[in-house]
Amino acid sequence: MAYEDLPWKGFLKWLDRKGRRRSAVVSLAVPAGTRVEVGVVGAAAVISGMEGPSVVKGVTGDTTLVGLAGPVRADTVSGSVEAQDVTGDLRFNSVSGDLTVVEGSGSSVRAESVSGSMIVDLDPEGPTDVRLTSVSGEIAIRLPYPADAEVEANTASGAISNAFDGLRVHGQWGAHKITGRLGAGNGTLRATTVSGSIALLRRPTREDEAPWEDTRPGTGGSPADPKDDPQSGSGDNSVSDRGADDAAVPADGTTDKKVL
């Protein structure tokens, strides 16, 4: 792609910040099974709906990945990567770029960064191999409850937080570590950072999400008025339907530690 009036003889003028600035949006549609390779320098990249392998290499531009079923590799210098509903294996490498994964369900997530932070929200259908490494970036991981993984998370000088009762937290000063087994331990979770903090969170259970359903009369949900159904309080975790004493403890008996 080029401009017809590009002044090649005065090309140095285009390097002047006060000179003209032009931009373009390139959109390309290919069959879902195509192998995709995208390279950008200072531009953003968006890849969605692909089932074949996807490779993205960037410098400063941000990358957005949506609904990818094939294996994904993203390499950036300082650009951030946001991935949503990615069901394939994910590889991420960056110097200072951040990684955000929402509803990831692939069998493998591996990420390395020097100073970028990592927020990984997982909802896998089976065992998952997760390995996250950073030098000074913060790491936050959210797993389904109940989870199924062997867990080991280490930080040399950062803070650490854990929302799973089945895991052990070691160290009060300096180095901290979380170890233990969740469920049968079929999956693997390894997270390491030198000076960044680590937070291990848990996703809400299906019962916790039930109050968000439409409860208006005639919609098929639970009755709007608890008086209409004597059993309506048995599976409801909302605070408004319980007393002040019961509101302090979730219905499943566990306690989540607020991290962020």
C-alpha atoms as a PDB file:
ATOM      1  CA  MET A   1       0.000   0.000   0.000  1.00  0.00           C
ATOM      2  CA  ALA A   2       1.336   3.418  -0.932  1.00  0.00           C
ATOM      3  CA  TYR A   3       0.204   6.993  -1.589  1.00  0.00           C
ATOM      4  CA  GLU A   4       0.374   8.438  -5.081  1.00  0.00           C
ATOM      5  CA  ASP A   5       1.531  11.840  -3.806  1.00  0.00           C
ATOM      6  CA  LEU A   6       4.248  10.463  -1.547  1.00  0.00           C
ATOM      7  CA  PRO A   7       7.111  12.968  -1.970  1.00  0.00           C
ATOM      8  CA  TRP A   8      10.046  10.616  -2.280  1.00  0.00           C
ATOM      9  CA  LYS A   9      12.415  13.502  -3.016  1.00  0.00           C
ATOM     10  CA  GLY A  10      11.446  15.185   0.235  1.00  0.00           C
ATOM     11  CA  PHE A  11      11.054  12.033   2.280  1.00  0.00           C
ATOM     12  CA  LEU A  12      12.813  13.549   5.306  1.00  0.00           C
ATOM     13  CA  LYS A  13       9.917  15.955   5.727  1.00  0.00           C
ATOM     14  CA  TRP A  14       7.710  12.996   6.602  1.00  0.00           C
ATOM     15  CA  LEU A  15       9.889  12.304   9.619  1.00  0.00           C
ATOM     16  CA  ASP A  16       9.068  15.724  11.041  1.00  0.00           C
ATOM     17  CA  ARG A  17       6.482  15.421  13.818  1.00  0.00           C
ATOM     18  CA  LYS A  18       4.802  18.561  12.572  1.00  0.00           C
ATOM     19  CA  GLY A  19       4.360  17.058   9.145  1.00  0.00           C
ATOM     20  CA  ARG A  20       1.307  15.301   7.795  1.00  0.00           C
ATOM     21  CA  ARG A  21       0.049  12.165   9.516  1.00  0.00           C
ATOM     22  CA  ARG A  22      -1.931   9.513   7.695  1.00  0.00           C
ATOM     23  CA  SER A  23      -3.531   6.315   8.871  1.00  0.00           C
ATOM     24  CA  ALA A  24      -5.275   3.360   7.280  1.00  0.00           C
ATOM     25  CA  VAL A  25      -7.460   0.469   8.404  1.00  0.00           C
ATOM     26  CA  VAL A  26      -6.789  -2.832   6.654  1.00  0.00           C
ATOM     27  CA  SER A  27      -9.477  -5.525   6.969  1.00  0.00           C
ATOM     28  CA  LEU A  28      -8.988  -8.991   5.520  1.00  0.00           C
ATOM     29  CA  ALA A  29     -11.448 -11.912   5.550  1.00  0.00           C
ATOM     30  CA  VAL A  30     -10.117 -15.433   5.009  1.00  0.00           C
ATOM     31  CA  PRO A  31     -11.483 -18.976   5.530  1.00  0.00           C
ATOM     32  CA  ALA A  32     -11.662 -19.926   9.216  1.00  0.00           C
ATOM     33  CA  GLY A  33      -9.083 -22.709   8.843  1.00  0.00           C
ATOM     34  CA  THR A  34      -6.412 -20.465   7.290  1.00  0.00           C
ATOM     35  CA  ARG A  35      -3.077 -19.989   9.021  1.00  0.00           C
ATOM     36  CA  VAL A  36      -2.820 -16.300   9.920  1.00  0.00           C
ATOM     37  CA  GLU A  37       0.394 -14.344  10.475  1.00  0.00           C
ATOM     38  CA  VAL A  38       0.178 -10.639  11.308  1.00  0.00           C
ATOM     39  CA  GLY A  39       3.054  -8.225  11.875  1.00  0.00           C
ATOM     40  CA  VAL A  40       2.624  -4.639  13.086  1.00  0.00           C
ATOM     41  CA  VAL A  41       4.986  -1.939  14.314  1.00  0.00           C
ATOM     42  CA  GLY A  42       2.934   0.933  15.707  1.00  0.00           C
ATOM     43  CA  ALA A  43      -0.526  -0.277  14.795  1.00  0.00           C
ATOM     44  CA  ALA A  44      -3.199  -2.296  16.552  1.00  0.00           C
ATOM     45  CA  ALA A  45      -4.172  -5.773  15.355  1.00  0.00           C
ATOM     46  CA  VAL A  46      -7.444  -7.668  15.767  1.00  0.00           C
ATOM     47  CA  ILE A  47      -7.926 -11.361  14.927  1.00  0.00           C
ATOM     48  CA  SER A  48     -11.258 -13.077  15.451  1.00  0.00           C
ATOM     49  CA  GLY A  49     -13.150 -16.229  14.537  1.00  0.00           C
ATOM     50  CA  MET A  50     -10.169 -18.247  13.300  1.00  0.00           C
ATOM     51  CA  GLU A  51      -9.818 -22.018  13.697  1.00  0.00           C
ATOM     52  CA  GLY A  52      -6.315 -22.382  12.239  1.00  0.00           C
ATOM     53  CA  PRO A  53      -3.002 -21.310  13.794  1.00  0.00           C
ATOM     54  CA  SER A  54      -2.591 -17.568  14.469  1.00  0.00           C
ATOM     55  CA  VAL A  55       0.714 -15.710  14.914  1.00  0.00           C
ATOM     56  CA  VAL A  56       0.972 -12.035  15.874  1.00  0.00           C
ATOM     57  CA  LYS A  57       4.212 -10.055  16.134  1.00  0.00           C
ATOM     58  CA  GLY A  58       4.146  -6.421  17.188  1.00  0.00           C
ATOM     59  CA  VAL A  59       6.263  -3.644  18.638  1.00  0.00           C
ATOM     60  CA  THR A  60       4.080  -0.998  20.292  1.00  0.00           C
ATOM     61  CA  GLY A  61       0.602  -1.701  18.989  1.00  0.00           C
ATOM     62  CA  ASP A  62      -2.001  -3.550  21.056  1.00  0.00           C
ATOM     63  CA  THR A  63      -3.419  -6.897  19.935  1.00  0.00           C
ATOM     64  CA  THR A  64      -6.965  -8.199  20.420  1.00  0.00           C
ATOM     65  CA  LEU A  65      -7.801 -11.898  20.009  1.00  0.00           C
ATOM     66  CA  VAL A  66     -11.436 -13.016  20.045  1.00  0.00           C
ATOM     67  CA  GLY A  67     -12.947 -16.471  19.559  1.00  0.00           C
ATOM     68  CA  LEU A  68      -9.848 -18.284  18.300  1.00  0.00           C
ATOM     69  CA  ALA A  69      -9.985 -22.077  18.269  1.00  0.00           C
ATOM     70  CA  GLY A  70      -6.507 -22.817  16.910  1.00  0.00           C
ATOM     71  CA  PRO A  71      -3.116 -22.400  18.582  1.00  0.00           C
ATOM     72  CA  VAL A  72      -2.112 -18.758  19.146  1.00  0.00           C
ATOM     73  CA  ARG A  73       1.314 -17.164  19.515  1.00  0.00           C
ATOM     74  CA  ALA A  74       1.687 -13.459  20.327  1.00  0.00           C
ATOM     75  CA  ASP A  75       5.064 -11.706  20.602  1.00  0.00           C
ATOM     76  CA  THR A  76       5.288  -8.003  21.470  1.00  0.00           C
ATOM     77  CA  VAL A  77       7.819  -5.510  22.755  1.00  0.00           C
ATOM     78  CA  SER A  78       5.576  -3.093  24.639  1.00  0.00           C
ATOM     79  CA  GLY A  79       2.169  -3.731  23.147  1.00  0.00           C
ATOM     80  CA  SER A  80      -0.538  -5.364  25.244  1.00  0.00           C
ATOM     81  CA  VAL A  81      -2.518  -8.469  24.296  1.00  0.00           C
ATOM     82  CA  GLU A  82      -6.180  -9.028  25.171  1.00  0.00           C
ATOM     83  CA  ALA A  83      -7.619 -12.493  24.503  1.00  0.00           C
ATOM     84  CA  GLN A  84     -11.273 -13.417  24.967  1.00  0.00           C
ATOM     85  CA  ASP A  85     -12.908 -16.806  24.487  1.00  0.00           C
ATOM     86  CA  VAL A  86      -9.721 -18.392  23.130  1.00  0.00           C
ATOM     87  CA  THR A  87     -10.079 -22.181  23.120  1.00  0.00           C
ATOM     88  CA  GLY A  88      -6.714 -23.013  21.552  1.00  0.00           C
ATOM     89  CA  ASP A  89      -3.269 -23.128  23.152  1.00  0.00           C
ATOM     90  CA  LEU A  90      -1.910 -19.651  23.915  1.00  0.00           C
ATOM     91  CA  ARG A  91       1.738 -18.517  23.895  1.00  0.00           C
ATOM     92  CA  PHE A  92       2.695 -14.966  24.893  1.00  0.00           C
ATOM     93  CA  ASN A  93       6.100 -13.269  25.040  1.00  0.00           C
ATOM     94  CA  SER A  94       6.714  -9.598  25.781  1.00  0.00           C
ATOM     95  CA  VAL A  95       9.154  -7.148  27.328  1.00  0.00           C
ATOM     96  CA  SER A  96       6.734  -4.708  28.958  1.00  0.00           C
ATOM     97  CA  GLY A  97       3.380  -5.521  27.394  1.00  0.00           C
ATOM     98  CA  ASP A  98       0.441  -6.702  29.517  1.00  0.00           C
ATOM     99  CA  LEU A  99      -1.570  -9.889  28.976  1.00  0.00           C
ATOM    100  CA  THR A 100      -5.288 -10.138  29.707  1.00  0.00           C
ATOM    101  CA  VAL A 101      -7.153 -13.416  29.163  1.00  0.00           C
ATOM    102  CA  VAL A 102     -10.933 -13.586  29.646  1.00  0.00           C
ATOM    103  CA  GLU A 103     -12.763 -16.926  29.709  1.00  0.00           C
ATOM    104  CA  GLY A 104      -9.804 -18.850  28.364  1.00  0.00           C
ATOM    105  CA  SER A 105     -10.573 -22.547  27.873  1.00  0.00           C
ATOM    106  CA  GLY A 106      -7.522 -23.841  26.029  1.00  0.00           C
ATOM    107  CA  SER A 107      -5.479 -26.775  27.257  1.00  0.00           C
ATOM    108  CA  SER A 108      -2.307 -24.690  27.624  1.00  0.00           C
ATOM    109  CA  VAL A 109      -1.373 -21.093  28.516  1.00  0.00           C
ATOM    110  CA  ARG A 110       2.270 -20.065  28.639  1.00  0.00           C
ATOM    111  CA  ALA A 111       3.339 -16.463  29.094  1.00  0.00           C
ATOM    112  CA  GLU A 112       6.646 -14.703  29.738  1.00  0.00           C
ATOM    113  CA  SER A 113       7.207 -11.003  30.375  1.00  0.00           C
ATOM    114  CA  VAL A 114       9.820  -8.784  31.972  1.00  0.00           C
ATOM    115  CA  SER A 115       7.697  -6.021  33.472  1.00  0.00           C
ATOM    116  CA  GLY A 116       4.241  -6.571  32.014  1.00  0.00           C
ATOM    117  CA  SER A 117       1.359  -7.678  34.210  1.00  0.00           C
ATOM    118  CA  MET A 118      -0.727 -10.800  33.577  1.00  0.00           C
ATOM    119  CA  ILE A 119      -4.421 -11.245  34.301  1.00  0.00           C
ATOM    120  CA  VAL A 120      -5.578 -14.727  33.335  1.00  0.00           C
ATOM    121  CA  ASP A 121      -9.210 -15.792  33.746  1.00  0.00           C
ATOM    122  CA  LEU A 122      -9.672 -19.492  32.952  1.00  0.00           C
ATOM    123  CA  ASP A 123     -12.775 -21.602  32.462  1.00  0.00           C
ATOM    124  CA  PRO A 124     -11.409 -24.841  30.936  1.00  0.00           C
ATOM    125  CA  GLU A 125     -13.431 -27.944  30.184  1.00  0.00           C
ATOM    126  CA  GLY A 126     -10.550 -30.235  31.209  1.00  0.00           C
ATOM    127  CA  PRO A 127      -7.044 -30.189  32.701  1.00  0.00           C
ATOM    128  CA  THR A 128      -4.988 -27.132  31.755  1.00  0.00           C
ATOM    129  CA  ASP A 129      -1.240 -26.516  31.745  1.00  0.00           C
ATOM    130  CA  VAL A 130      -0.615 -22.911  32.861  1.00  0.00           C
ATOM    131  CA  ARG A 131       2.897 -21.484  33.202  1.00  0.00           C
ATOM    132  CA  LEU A 132       3.349 -17.742  33.834  1.00  0.00           C
ATOM    133  CA  THR A 133       6.714 -16.043  34.356  1.00  0.00           C
ATOM    134  CA  SER A 134       7.515 -12.379  35.029  1.00  0.00           C
ATOM    135  CA  VAL A 135      10.312 -10.367  36.609  1.00  0.00           C
ATOM    136  CA  SER A 136       8.520  -7.354  38.065  1.00  0.00           C
ATOM    137  CA  GLY A 137       5.007  -7.666  36.680  1.00  0.00           C
ATOM    138  CA  GLU A 138       1.982  -8.610  38.763  1.00  0.00           C
ATOM    139  CA  ILE A 139       0.176 -11.909  38.156  1.00  0.00           C
ATOM    140  CA  ALA A 140      -3.507 -12.569  38.830  1.00  0.00           C
ATOM    141  CA  ILE A 141      -5.072 -15.948  38.001  1.00  0.00           C
ATOM    142  CA  ARG A 142      -8.736 -16.874  38.332  1.00  0.00           C
ATOM    143  CA  LEU A 143      -9.658 -20.556  38.286  1.00  0.00           C
ATOM    144  CA  PRO A 144     -13.049 -22.292  38.300  1.00  0.00           C
ATOM    145  CA  TYR A 145     -14.374 -23.704  41.554  1.00  0.00           C
ATOM    146  CA  PRO A 146     -13.854 -26.548  42.105  1.00  0.00           C
ATOM    147  CA  ALA A 147     -10.535 -26.550  40.249  1.00  0.00           C
ATOM    148  CA  ASP A 148      -8.319 -29.436  39.150  1.00  0.00           C
ATOM    149  CA  ALA A 149      -4.589 -28.632  39.216  1.00  0.00           C
ATOM    150  CA  GLU A 150      -1.269 -28.980  40.982  1.00  0.00           C
ATOM    151  CA  VAL A 151      -0.398 -25.431  42.071  1.00  0.00           C
ATOM    152  CA  GLU A 152       2.927 -23.749  42.742  1.00  0.00           C
ATOM    153  CA  ALA A 153       3.236 -19.954  42.776  1.00  0.00           C
ATOM    154  CA  ASN A 154       6.376 -18.106  43.873  1.00  0.00           C
ATOM    155  CA  THR A 155       7.362 -14.487  44.417  1.00  0.00           C
ATOM    156  CA  ALA A 156      10.666 -13.314  45.861  1.00  0.00           C
ATOM    157  CA  SER A 157       9.538 -10.017  47.373  1.00  0.00           C
ATOM    158  CA  GLY A 158       5.959  -9.367  46.266  1.00  0.00           C
ATOM    159  CA  ALA A 159       2.704  -9.856  48.125  1.00  0.00           C
ATOM    160  CA  ILE A 160       0.681 -13.030  47.715  1.00  0.00           C
ATOM    161  CA  SER A 161      -3.029 -13.836  48.071  1.00  0.00           C
ATOM    162  CA  ASN A 162      -5.014 -17.064  47.847  1.00  0.00           C
ATOM    163  CA  ALA A 163      -8.766 -17.727  47.681  1.00  0.00           C
ATOM    164  CA  PHE A 164      -8.618 -21.558  47.837  1.00  0.00           C
ATOM    165  CA  ASP A 165      -8.755 -23.249  51.248  1.00  0.00           C
ATOM    166  CA  GLY A 166      -7.011 -26.363  49.935  1.00  0.00           C
ATOM    167  CA  LEU A 167      -3.742 -24.526  49.211  1.00  0.00           C
ATOM    168  CA  ARG A 168      -0.974 -23.595  51.609  1.00  0.00           C
ATOM    169  CA  VAL A 169       0.722 -20.208  51.798  1.00  0.00           C
ATOM    170  CA  HIS A 170       4.359 -20.259  52.917  1.00  0.00           C
ATOM    171  CA  GLY A 171       6.504 -17.362  54.130  1.00  0.00           C
ATOM    172  CA  GLN A 172       5.639 -14.236  56.052  1.00  0.00           C
ATOM    173  CA  TRP A 173       8.586 -12.022  55.124  1.00  0.00           C
ATOM    174  CA  GLY A 174      10.498 -11.847  51.869  1.00  0.00           C
ATOM    175  CA  ALA A 175       9.777 -14.824  49.633  1.00  0.00           C
ATOM    176  CA  HIS A 176       6.241 -16.193  49.470  1.00  0.00           C
ATOM    177  CA  LYS A 177       4.886 -19.388  47.969  1.00  0.00           C
ATOM    178  CA  ILE A 178       1.548 -21.063  47.341  1.00  0.00           C
ATOM    179  CA  THR A 179       1.539 -24.841  46.967  1.00  0.00           C
ATOM    180  CA  GLY A 180      -0.996 -27.615  46.990  1.00  0.00           C
ATOM    181  CA  ARG A 181      -3.419 -29.709  44.975  1.00  0.00           C
ATOM    182  CA  LEU A 182      -6.881 -28.729  43.823  1.00  0.00           C
ATOM    183  CA  GLY A 183      -9.211 -31.590  42.997  1.00  0.00           C
ATOM    184  CA  ALA A 184      -7.413 -34.581  41.486  1.00  0.00           C
ATOM    185  CA  GLY A 185      -4.463 -32.438  40.409  1.00  0.00           C
ATOM    186  CA  ASN A 186      -4.670 -33.386  36.728  1.00  0.00           C
ATOM    187  CA  GLY A 187      -3.775 -29.881  35.528  1.00  0.00           C
ATOM    188  CA  THR A 188      -0.708 -27.769  36.259  1.00  0.00           C
ATOM    189  CA  LEU A 189      -0.388 -24.173  37.426  1.00  0.00           C
ATOM    190  CA  ARG A 190       3.055 -22.566  37.750  1.00  0.00           C
ATOM    191  CA  ALA A 191       3.427 -18.837  38.367  1.00  0.00           C
ATOM    192  CA  THR A 192       6.720 -17.106  39.132  1.00  0.00           C
ATOM    193  CA  THR A 193       7.634 -13.452  39.606  1.00  0.00           C
ATOM    194  CA  VAL A 194      10.574 -11.782  41.310  1.00  0.00           C
ATOM    195  CA  SER A 195       9.179  -8.540  42.710  1.00  0.00           C
ATOM    196  CA  GLY A 196       5.576  -8.604  41.506  1.00  0.00           C
ATOM    197  CA  SER A 197       2.596  -9.744  43.529  1.00  0.00           C
ATOM    198  CA  ILE A 198       0.558 -12.906  42.879  1.00  0.00           C
ATOM    199  CA  ALA A 199      -3.174 -13.315  43.407  1.00  0.00           C
ATOM    200  CA  LEU A 200      -4.973 -16.641  43.023  1.00  0.00           C
ATOM    201  CA  LEU A 201      -8.711 -16.064  42.673  1.00  0.00           C
ATOM    202  CA  ARG A 202     -11.673 -18.328  42.054  1.00  0.00           C
ATOM    203  CA  ARG A 203     -14.527 -18.000  39.598  1.00  0.00           C
ATOM    204  CA  PRO A 204     -18.089 -17.953  40.963  1.00  0.00           C
ATOM    205  CA  THR A 205     -19.900 -21.286  40.968  1.00  0.00           C
ATOM    206  CA  ARG A 206     -23.017 -21.936  38.917  1.00  0.00           C
ATOM    207  CA  GLU A 207     -25.108 -21.463  42.047  1.00  0.00           C
ATOM    208  CA  ASP A 208     -23.500 -18.074  42.654  1.00  0.00           C
ATOM    209  CA  GLU A 209     -24.465 -16.967  39.145  1.00  0.00           C
ATOM    210  CA  ALA A 210     -28.113 -18.092  39.510  1.00  0.00           C
ATOM    211  CA  PRO A 211     -29.401 -14.811  41.061  1.00  0.00           C
ATOM    212  CA  TRP A 212     -28.467 -13.015  37.835  1.00  0.00           C
ATOM    213  CA  GLU A 213     -31.171 -14.914  35.938  1.00  0.00           C
ATOM    214  CA  ASP A 214     -34.363 -13.112  34.978  1.00  0.00           C
ATOM    215  CA  THR A 215     -36.753 -13.554  37.894  1.00  0.00           C
ATOM    216  CA  ARG A 216     -39.684 -11.516  36.578  1.00  0.00           C
ATOM    217  CA  PRO A 217     -43.096 -13.243  36.765  1.00  0.00           C
ATOM    218  CA  GLY A 218     -43.887 -15.259  33.659  1.00  0.00           C
ATOM    219  CA  THR A 219     -40.266 -15.541  32.453  1.00  0.00           C
ATOM    220  CA  GLY A 220     -39.653 -19.059  33.751  1.00  0.00           C
ATOM    221  CA  GLY A 221     -37.246 -17.920  36.505  1.00  0.00           C
ATOM    222  CA  SER A 222     -37.740 -18.112  40.243  1.00  0.00           C
ATOM    223  CA  PRO A 223     -40.640 -16.108  41.727  1.00  0.00           C
ATOM    224  CA  ALA A 224     -40.081 -12.399  42.228  1.00  0.00           C
ATOM    225  CA  ASP A 225     -41.564 -12.507  45.737  1.00  0.00           C
ATOM    226  CA  PRO A 226     -39.976 -15.007  48.163  1.00  0.00           C
ATOM    227  CA  LYS A 227     -43.390 -15.423  49.836  1.00  0.00           C
ATOM    228  CA  ASP A 228     -44.662 -17.133  46.678  1.00  0.00           C
ATOM    229  CA  ASP A 229     -42.128 -19.951  47.044  1.00  0.00           C
ATOM    230  CA  PRO A 230     -41.194 -21.312  50.492  1.00  0.00           C
ATOM    231  CA  GLN A 231     -38.047 -22.937  49.063  1.00  0.00           C
ATOM    232  CA  SER A 232     -36.789 -19.783  47.351  1.00  0.00           C
ATOM    233  CA  GLY A 233     -34.322 -19.009  50.128  1.00  0.00           C
ATOM    234  CA  SER A 234     -32.564 -22.408  49.950  1.00  0.00           C
ATOM    235  CA  GLY A 235     -30.379 -21.669  46.923  1.00  0.00           C
ATOM    236  CA  ASP A 236     -30.255 -17.886  46.988  1.00  0.00           C
ATOM    237  CA  ASN A 237     -26.960 -16.203  47.885  1.00  0.00           C
ATOM    238  CA  SER A 238     -28.240 -12.620  47.672  1.00  0.00           C
ATOM    239  CA  VAL A 239     -27.785 -10.573  50.832  1.00  0.00           C
ATOM    240  CA  SER A 240     -31.247  -9.006  50.676  1.00  0.00           C
ATOM    241  CA  ASP A 241     -32.987 -12.355  51.396  1.00  0.00           C
ATOM    242  CA  ARG A 242     -30.950 -13.205  54.496  1.00  0.00           C
ATOM    243  CA  GLY A 243     -30.359 -11.728  57.881  1.00  0.00           C
ATOM    244  CA  ALA A 244     -27.387  -9.619  58.834  1.00  0.00           C
ATOM    245  CA  ASP A 245     -25.665 -12.589  60.511  1.00  0.00           C
ATOM    246  CA  ASP A 246     -25.997 -14.871  57.484  1.00  0.00           C
ATOM    247  CA  ALA A 247     -24.873 -12.176  55.038  1.00  0.00           C
ATOM    248  CA  ALA A 248     -21.321 -12.280  56.339  1.00  0.00           C
ATOM    249  CA  VAL A 249     -20.766 -15.898  55.228  1.00  0.00           C
ATOM    250  CA  PRO A 250     -21.424 -17.228  51.684  1.00  0.00           C
ATOM    251  CA  ALA A 251     -23.911 -20.080  51.322  1.00  0.00           C
ATOM    252  CA  ASP A 252     -21.237 -22.617  50.375  1.00  0.00           C
ATOM    253  CA  GLY A 253     -19.342 -22.052  53.646  1.00  0.00           C
ATOM    254  CA  THR A 254     -16.143 -20.763  52.023  1.00  0.00           C
ATOM    255  CA  THR A 255     -14.596 -17.357  52.428  1.00  0.00           C
ATOM    256  CA  ASP A 256     -13.035 -15.425  49.582  1.00  0.00           C
ATOM    257  CA  LYS A 257     -10.157 -13.103  50.386  1.00  0.00           C
ATOM    258  CA  LYS A 258     -10.567  -9.755  48.673  1.00  0.00           C
ATOM    259  CA  VAL A 259      -7.427  -9.069  46.666  1.00  0.00           C
ATOM    260  CA  LEU A 260      -7.922  -6.307  44.147  1.00  0.00           C
END
